Amino acid sequence: MARLVFMGRLEDVAGMGEMAVQAGPVEQVLAGLDPALAVELLGEKVRMALNGKLLTDMGGVVLVEGDELAFLPPVSGG
């Protein structure tokens, strides 16, 4: 299994902080999620980090056993 981690407002959208998923291509993993959640996760400003390293391109990413893919929404502060 691999883990998806939802940060910030994405945790509210997902209804949980993390989710265990079958390892495999990210596109396939996201296709198995609730469509509304998948749309939010693929938002233009959402960043992704695989095992703590920010990804610049999701093309061809395959999750393997033990991987953690974190979804990081844009943040604002003052």
PDB file of N, CA and C in Angstrom:
ATOM      1  N   MET A   1       0.837  -1.191   0.000  1.00  0.00           N
ATOM      2  CA  MET A   1       0.000   0.000   0.000  1.00  0.00           C
ATOM      3  C   MET A   1       0.879   1.252   0.000  1.00  0.00           C
ATOM      4  N   ALA A   2       0.313   2.330  -0.510  1.00  0.00           N
ATOM      5  CA  ALA A   2       0.926   3.653  -0.484  1.00  0.00           C
ATOM      6  C   ALA A   2      -0.046   4.566   0.278  1.00  0.00           C
ATOM      7  N   ARG A   3       0.412   5.773   0.610  1.00  0.00           N
ATOM      8  CA  ARG A   3      -0.448   6.699   1.346  1.00  0.00           C
ATOM      9  C   ARG A   3      -0.577   8.006   0.608  1.00  0.00           C
ATOM     10  N   LEU A   4      -1.799   8.536   0.607  1.00  0.00           N
ATOM     11  CA  LEU A   4      -2.054   9.897   0.154  1.00  0.00           C
ATOM     12  C   LEU A   4      -2.251  10.730   1.407  1.00  0.00           C
ATOM     13  N   VAL A   5      -1.607  11.879   1.468  1.00  0.00           N
ATOM     14  CA  VAL A   5      -1.721  12.772   2.619  1.00  0.00           C
ATOM     15  C   VAL A   5      -2.311  14.086   2.137  1.00  0.00           C
ATOM     16  N   PHE A   6      -3.351  14.538   2.822  1.00  0.00           N
ATOM     17  CA  PHE A   6      -4.067  15.754   2.436  1.00  0.00           C
ATOM     18  C   PHE A   6      -3.783  16.846   3.462  1.00  0.00           C
ATOM     19  N   MET A   7      -3.239  17.959   3.007  1.00  0.00           N
ATOM     20  CA  MET A   7      -2.871  19.056   3.897  1.00  0.00           C
ATOM     21  C   MET A   7      -3.875  20.210   3.754  1.00  0.00           C
ATOM     22  N   GLY A   8      -3.958  21.015   4.816  1.00  0.00           N
ATOM     23  CA  GLY A   8      -4.786  22.222   4.778  1.00  0.00           C
ATOM     24  C   GLY A   8      -6.231  21.946   4.423  1.00  0.00           C
ATOM     25  N   ARG A   9      -6.773  22.777   3.557  1.00  0.00           N
ATOM     26  CA  ARG A   9      -8.187  22.655   3.188  1.00  0.00           C
ATOM     27  C   ARG A   9      -8.487  21.344   2.463  1.00  0.00           C
ATOM     28  N   LEU A  10      -7.478  20.726   1.877  1.00  0.00           N
ATOM     29  CA  LEU A  10      -7.695  19.456   1.178  1.00  0.00           C
ATOM     30  C   LEU A  10      -8.079  18.347   2.154  1.00  0.00           C
ATOM     31  N   GLU A  11      -7.635  18.477   3.395  1.00  0.00           N
ATOM     32  CA  GLU A  11      -8.052  17.518   4.419  1.00  0.00           C
ATOM     33  C   GLU A  11      -9.556  17.620   4.641  1.00  0.00           C
ATOM     34  N   ASP A  12     -10.084  18.839   4.617  1.00  0.00           N
ATOM     35  CA  ASP A  12     -11.528  19.034   4.776  1.00  0.00           C
ATOM     36  C   ASP A  12     -12.283  18.439   3.590  1.00  0.00           C
ATOM     37  N   VAL A  13     -11.771  18.644   2.395  1.00  0.00           N
ATOM     38  CA  VAL A  13     -12.427  18.116   1.192  1.00  0.00           C
ATOM     39  C   VAL A  13     -12.424  16.594   1.220  1.00  0.00           C
ATOM     40  N   ALA A  14     -11.307  16.003   1.629  1.00  0.00           N
ATOM     41  CA  ALA A  14     -11.182  14.545   1.654  1.00  0.00           C
ATOM     42  C   ALA A  14     -11.931  13.923   2.827  1.00  0.00           C
ATOM     43  N   GLY A  15     -12.147  14.717   3.881  1.00  0.00           N
ATOM     44  CA  GLY A  15     -12.806  14.182   5.061  1.00  0.00           C
ATOM     45  C   GLY A  15     -11.863  13.379   5.941  1.00  0.00           C
ATOM     46  N   MET A  16     -10.555  13.443   5.659  1.00  0.00           N
ATOM     47  CA  MET A  16      -9.548  12.726   6.443  1.00  0.00           C
ATOM     48  C   MET A  16      -8.179  13.307   6.118  1.00  0.00           C
ATOM     49  N   GLY A  17      -7.216  13.052   6.970  1.00  0.00           N
ATOM     50  CA  GLY A  17      -5.873  13.568   6.768  1.00  0.00           C
ATOM     51  C   GLY A  17      -5.029  12.720   5.839  1.00  0.00           C
ATOM     52  N   GLU A  18      -5.332  11.424   5.803  1.00  0.00           N
ATOM     53  CA  GLU A  18      -4.584  10.548   4.912  1.00  0.00           C
ATOM     54  C   GLU A  18      -5.427   9.344   4.524  1.00  0.00           C
ATOM     55  N   MET A  19      -4.984   8.667   3.476  1.00  0.00           N
ATOM     56  CA  MET A  19      -5.736   7.547   2.936  1.00  0.00           C
ATOM     57  C   MET A  19      -4.752   6.526   2.371  1.00  0.00           C
ATOM     58  N   ALA A  20      -4.962   5.269   2.691  1.00  0.00           N
ATOM     59  CA  ALA A  20      -4.154   4.194   2.119  1.00  0.00           C
ATOM     60  C   ALA A  20      -4.745   3.819   0.758  1.00  0.00           C
ATOM     61  N   VAL A  21      -3.865   3.650  -0.224  1.00  0.00           N
ATOM     62  CA  VAL A  21      -4.302   3.297  -1.577  1.00  0.00           C
ATOM     63  C   VAL A  21      -3.391   2.197  -2.124  1.00  0.00           C
ATOM     64  N   GLN A  22      -3.878   1.504  -3.134  1.00  0.00           N
ATOM     65  CA  GLN A  22      -3.057   0.525  -3.819  1.00  0.00           C
ATOM     66  C   GLN A  22      -1.956   1.259  -4.578  1.00  0.00           C
ATOM     67  N   ALA A  23      -0.758   0.721  -4.538  1.00  0.00           N
ATOM     68  CA  ALA A  23       0.344   1.296  -5.301  1.00  0.00           C
ATOM     69  C   ALA A  23       0.035   1.182  -6.790  1.00  0.00           C
ATOM     70  N   GLY A  24       0.577   2.094  -7.580  1.00  0.00           N
ATOM     71  CA  GLY A  24       0.369   2.084  -9.025  1.00  0.00           C
ATOM     72  C   GLY A  24       0.554   3.472  -9.595  1.00  0.00           C
ATOM     73  N   PRO A  25       0.302   3.627 -10.881  1.00  0.00           N
ATOM     74  CA  PRO A  25       0.422   4.945 -11.507  1.00  0.00           C
ATOM     75  C   PRO A  25      -0.505   5.961 -10.827  1.00  0.00           C
ATOM     76  N   VAL A  26       0.004   7.169 -10.620  1.00  0.00           N
ATOM     77  CA  VAL A  26      -0.776   8.193  -9.923  1.00  0.00           C
ATOM     78  C   VAL A  26      -2.098   8.452 -10.637  1.00  0.00           C
ATOM     79  N   GLU A  27      -2.085   8.475 -11.956  1.00  0.00           N
ATOM     80  CA  GLU A  27      -3.322   8.713 -12.696  1.00  0.00           C
ATOM     81  C   GLU A  27      -4.374   7.658 -12.348  1.00  0.00           C
ATOM     82  N   GLN A  28      -3.946   6.416 -12.216  1.00  0.00           N
ATOM     83  CA  GLN A  28      -4.862   5.322 -11.876  1.00  0.00           C
ATOM     84  C   GLN A  28      -5.351   5.462 -10.437  1.00  0.00           C
ATOM     85  N   VAL A  29      -4.449   5.844  -9.527  1.00  0.00           N
ATOM     86  CA  VAL A  29      -4.825   6.038  -8.127  1.00  0.00           C
ATOM     87  C   VAL A  29      -5.874   7.142  -8.016  1.00  0.00           C
ATOM     88  N   LEU A  30      -5.644   8.272  -8.685  1.00  0.00           N
ATOM     89  CA  LEU A  30      -6.589   9.388  -8.624  1.00  0.00           C
ATOM     90  C   LEU A  30      -7.918   9.044  -9.273  1.00  0.00           C
ATOM     91  N   ALA A  31      -7.898   8.221 -10.307  1.00  0.00           N
ATOM     92  CA  ALA A  31      -9.140   7.817 -10.977  1.00  0.00           C
ATOM     93  C   ALA A  31     -10.027   6.988 -10.056  1.00  0.00           C
ATOM     94  N   GLY A  32      -9.432   6.362  -9.050  1.00  0.00           N
ATOM     95  CA  GLY A  32     -10.205   5.560  -8.109  1.00  0.00           C
ATOM     96  C   GLY A  32     -10.796   6.346  -6.956  1.00  0.00           C
ATOM     97  N   LEU A  33     -10.495   7.631  -6.885  1.00  0.00           N
ATOM     98  CA  LEU A  33     -11.016   8.481  -5.811  1.00  0.00           C
ATOM     99  C   LEU A  33     -12.370   9.068  -6.187  1.00  0.00           C
ATOM    100  N   ASP A  34     -13.044   9.630  -5.191  1.00  0.00           N
ATOM    101  CA  ASP A  34     -14.267  10.383  -5.444  1.00  0.00           C
ATOM    102  C   ASP A  34     -13.931  11.471  -6.466  1.00  0.00           C
ATOM    103  N   PRO A  35     -14.729  11.614  -7.517  1.00  0.00           N
ATOM    104  CA  PRO A  35     -14.420  12.592  -8.568  1.00  0.00           C
ATOM    105  C   PRO A  35     -14.238  14.021  -8.045  1.00  0.00           C
ATOM    106  N   ALA A  36     -15.035  14.432  -7.083  1.00  0.00           N
ATOM    107  CA  ALA A  36     -14.908  15.798  -6.551  1.00  0.00           C
ATOM    108  C   ALA A  36     -13.555  15.987  -5.859  1.00  0.00           C
ATOM    109  N   LEU A  37     -13.095  14.978  -5.148  1.00  0.00           N
ATOM    110  CA  LEU A  37     -11.798  15.050  -4.494  1.00  0.00           C
ATOM    111  C   LEU A  37     -10.685  15.070  -5.536  1.00  0.00           C
ATOM    112  N   ALA A  38     -10.772  14.225  -6.526  1.00  0.00           N
ATOM    113  CA  ALA A  38      -9.746  14.170  -7.572  1.00  0.00           C
ATOM    114  C   ALA A  38      -9.609  15.514  -8.274  1.00  0.00           C
ATOM    115  N   VAL A  39     -10.722  16.177  -8.554  1.00  0.00           N
ATOM    116  CA  VAL A  39     -10.688  17.492  -9.202  1.00  0.00           C
ATOM    117  C   VAL A  39      -9.942  18.489  -8.317  1.00  0.00           C
ATOM    118  N   GLU A  40     -10.223  18.478  -7.026  1.00  0.00           N
ATOM    119  CA  GLU A  40      -9.538  19.387  -6.096  1.00  0.00           C
ATOM    120  C   GLU A  40      -8.043  19.094  -6.053  1.00  0.00           C
ATOM    121  N   LEU A  41      -7.672  17.819  -6.023  1.00  0.00           N
ATOM    122  CA  LEU A  41      -6.262  17.438  -5.921  1.00  0.00           C
ATOM    123  C   LEU A  41      -5.484  17.816  -7.167  1.00  0.00           C
ATOM    124  N   LEU A  42      -6.164  17.876  -8.293  1.00  0.00           N
ATOM    125  CA  LEU A  42      -5.506  18.221  -9.550  1.00  0.00           C
ATOM    126  C   LEU A  42      -5.586  19.712  -9.861  1.00  0.00           C
ATOM    127  N   GLY A  43      -6.031  20.500  -8.890  1.00  0.00           N
ATOM    128  CA  GLY A  43      -6.127  21.943  -9.074  1.00  0.00           C
ATOM    129  C   GLY A  43      -4.793  22.545  -9.481  1.00  0.00           C
ATOM    130  N   GLU A  44      -4.857  23.590 -10.254  1.00  0.00           N
ATOM    131  CA  GLU A  44      -3.672  24.239 -10.820  1.00  0.00           C
ATOM    132  C   GLU A  44      -2.648  24.643  -9.766  1.00  0.00           C
ATOM    133  N   LYS A  45      -3.116  25.070  -8.597  1.00  0.00           N
ATOM    134  CA  LYS A  45      -2.198  25.590  -7.587  1.00  0.00           C
ATOM    135  C   LYS A  45      -1.821  24.566  -6.514  1.00  0.00           C
ATOM    136  N   VAL A  46      -2.326  23.349  -6.613  1.00  0.00           N
ATOM    137  CA  VAL A  46      -1.991  22.310  -5.643  1.00  0.00           C
ATOM    138  C   VAL A  46      -0.638  21.719  -6.012  1.00  0.00           C
ATOM    139  N   ARG A  47       0.268  21.695  -5.035  1.00  0.00           N
ATOM    140  CA  ARG A  47       1.593  21.093  -5.235  1.00  0.00           C
ATOM    141  C   ARG A  47       1.568  19.683  -4.671  1.00  0.00           C
ATOM    142  N   MET A  48       2.449  18.839  -5.167  1.00  0.00           N
ATOM    143  CA  MET A  48       2.534  17.470  -4.683  1.00  0.00           C
ATOM    144  C   MET A  48       3.965  17.153  -4.282  1.00  0.00           C
ATOM    145  N   ALA A  49       4.096  16.375  -3.221  1.00  0.00           N
ATOM    146  CA  ALA A  49       5.413  15.946  -2.757  1.00  0.00           C
ATOM    147  C   ALA A  49       5.406  14.433  -2.604  1.00  0.00           C
ATOM    148  N   LEU A  50       6.375  13.792  -3.228  1.00  0.00           N
ATOM    149  CA  LEU A  50       6.511  12.339  -3.144  1.00  0.00           C
ATOM    150  C   LEU A  50       7.647  12.041  -2.183  1.00  0.00           C
ATOM    151  N   ASN A  51       7.298  11.401  -1.068  1.00  0.00           N
ATOM    152  CA  ASN A  51       8.285  11.055  -0.039  1.00  0.00           C
ATOM    153  C   ASN A  51       9.106  12.270   0.385  1.00  0.00           C
ATOM    154  N   GLY A  52       8.420  13.422   0.520  1.00  0.00           N
ATOM    155  CA  GLY A  52       9.049  14.631   1.020  1.00  0.00           C
ATOM    156  C   GLY A  52       9.716  15.509  -0.023  1.00  0.00           C
ATOM    157  N   LYS A  53       9.714  15.098  -1.278  1.00  0.00           N
ATOM    158  CA  LYS A  53      10.341  15.898  -2.328  1.00  0.00           C
ATOM    159  C   LYS A  53       9.278  16.447  -3.264  1.00  0.00           C
ATOM    160  N   LEU A  54       9.279  17.779  -3.450  1.00  0.00           N
ATOM    161  CA  LEU A  54       8.293  18.404  -4.328  1.00  0.00           C
ATOM    162  C   LEU A  54       8.455  17.905  -5.752  1.00  0.00           C
ATOM    163  N   LEU A  55       7.326  17.630  -6.385  1.00  0.00           N
ATOM    164  CA  LEU A  55       7.324  17.194  -7.779  1.00  0.00           C
ATOM    165  C   LEU A  55       7.054  18.393  -8.678  1.00  0.00           C
ATOM    166  N   THR A  56       7.743  18.452  -9.781  1.00  0.00           N
ATOM    167  CA  THR A  56       7.499  19.504 -10.756  1.00  0.00           C
ATOM    168  C   THR A  56       6.652  18.987 -11.906  1.00  0.00           C
ATOM    169  N   ASP A  57       6.601  17.666 -12.054  1.00  0.00           N
ATOM    170  CA  ASP A  57       5.840  17.064 -13.146  1.00  0.00           C
ATOM    171  C   ASP A  57       5.281  15.733 -12.663  1.00  0.00           C
ATOM    172  N   MET A  58       3.980  15.524 -12.832  1.00  0.00           N
ATOM    173  CA  MET A  58       3.348  14.282 -12.388  1.00  0.00           C
ATOM    174  C   MET A  58       3.405  13.188 -13.446  1.00  0.00           C
ATOM    175  N   GLY A  59       3.803  13.526 -14.648  1.00  0.00           N
ATOM    176  CA  GLY A  59       3.815  12.556 -15.728  1.00  0.00           C
ATOM    177  C   GLY A  59       4.679  11.348 -15.412  1.00  0.00           C
ATOM    178  N   GLY A  60       4.092  10.169 -15.490  1.00  0.00           N
ATOM    179  CA  GLY A  60       4.838   8.935 -15.318  1.00  0.00           C
ATOM    180  C   GLY A  60       5.151   8.545 -13.889  1.00  0.00           C
ATOM    181  N   VAL A  61       4.625   9.264 -12.888  1.00  0.00           N
ATOM    182  CA  VAL A  61       4.901   8.914 -11.494  1.00  0.00           C
ATOM    183  C   VAL A  61       4.106   7.671 -11.129  1.00  0.00           C
ATOM    184  N   VAL A  62       4.820   6.688 -10.577  1.00  0.00           N
ATOM    185  CA  VAL A  62       4.202   5.434 -10.135  1.00  0.00           C
ATOM    186  C   VAL A  62       4.496   5.266  -8.652  1.00  0.00           C
ATOM    187  N   LEU A  63       3.439   5.120  -7.863  1.00  0.00           N
ATOM    188  CA  LEU A  63       3.598   4.880  -6.433  1.00  0.00           C
ATOM    189  C   LEU A  63       3.944   3.413  -6.203  1.00  0.00           C
ATOM    190  N   VAL A  64       4.902   3.176  -5.315  1.00  0.00           N
ATOM    191  CA  VAL A  64       5.267   1.818  -4.934  1.00  0.00           C
ATOM    192  C   VAL A  64       4.948   1.630  -3.451  1.00  0.00           C
ATOM    193  N   GLU A  65       5.018   0.396  -2.991  1.00  0.00           N
ATOM    194  CA  GLU A  65       4.723   0.084  -1.595  1.00  0.00           C
ATOM    195  C   GLU A  65       5.502   1.022  -0.672  1.00  0.00           C
ATOM    196  N   GLY A  66       4.801   1.639   0.282  1.00  0.00           N
ATOM    197  CA  GLY A  66       5.438   2.501   1.269  1.00  0.00           C
ATOM    198  C   GLY A  66       5.589   3.953   0.870  1.00  0.00           C
ATOM    199  N   ASP A  67       5.282   4.311  -0.374  1.00  0.00           N
ATOM    200  CA  ASP A  67       5.380   5.702  -0.801  1.00  0.00           C
ATOM    201  C   ASP A  67       4.329   6.563  -0.113  1.00  0.00           C
ATOM    202  N   GLU A  68       4.663   7.852   0.044  1.00  0.00           N
ATOM    203  CA  GLU A  68       3.729   8.839   0.571  1.00  0.00           C
ATOM    204  C   GLU A  68       3.651   9.978  -0.434  1.00  0.00           C
ATOM    205  N   LEU A  69       2.449  10.235  -0.927  1.00  0.00           N
ATOM    206  CA  LEU A  69       2.212  11.347  -1.844  1.00  0.00           C
ATOM    207  C   LEU A  69       1.362  12.377  -1.105  1.00  0.00           C
ATOM    208  N   ALA A  70       1.962  13.545  -0.847  1.00  0.00           N
ATOM    209  CA  ALA A  70       1.271  14.597  -0.102  1.00  0.00           C
ATOM    210  C   ALA A  70       0.773  15.657  -1.075  1.00  0.00           C
ATOM    211  N   PHE A  71      -0.430  16.132  -0.840  1.00  0.00           N
ATOM    212  CA  PHE A  71      -1.052  17.189  -1.633  1.00  0.00           C
ATOM    213  C   PHE A  71      -1.053  18.464  -0.799  1.00  0.00           C
ATOM    214  N   LEU A  72      -0.418  19.506  -1.336  1.00  0.00           N
ATOM    215  CA  LEU A  72      -0.206  20.752  -0.603  1.00  0.00           C
ATOM    216  C   LEU A  72      -0.966  21.883  -1.279  1.00  0.00           C
ATOM    217  N   PRO A  73      -2.034  22.382  -0.651  1.00  0.00           N
ATOM    218  CA  PRO A  73      -2.787  23.482  -1.255  1.00  0.00           C
ATOM    219  C   PRO A  73      -2.027  24.784  -1.113  1.00  0.00           C
ATOM    220  N   PRO A  74      -2.404  25.784  -1.894  1.00  0.00           N
ATOM    221  CA  PRO A  74      -1.778  27.099  -1.706  1.00  0.00           C
ATOM    222  C   PRO A  74      -2.124  27.622  -0.318  1.00  0.00           C
ATOM    223  N   VAL A  75      -1.218  28.372   0.246  1.00  0.00           N
ATOM    224  CA  VAL A  75      -1.455  28.922   1.574  1.00  0.00           C
ATOM    225  C   VAL A  75      -1.432  30.440   1.494  1.00  0.00           C
ATOM    226  N   SER A  76      -2.096  31.051   2.433  1.00  0.00           N
ATOM    227  CA  SER A  76      -2.040  32.511   2.512  1.00  0.00           C
ATOM    228  C   SER A  76      -1.724  32.853   3.951  1.00  0.00           C
ATOM    229  N   GLY A  77      -1.148  33.962   4.145  1.00  0.00           N
ATOM    230  CA  GLY A  77      -0.794  34.367   5.497  1.00  0.00           C
ATOM    231  C   GLY A  77      -0.666  35.868   5.573  1.00  0.00           C
ATOM    232  N   GLY A  78      -0.409  36.302   6.746  1.00  0.00           N
ATOM    233  CA  GLY A  78      -0.308  37.736   6.914  1.00  0.00           C
ATOM    234  C   GLY A  78       0.859  38.133   7.736  1.00  0.00           C
TER     235      GLY A  78
END
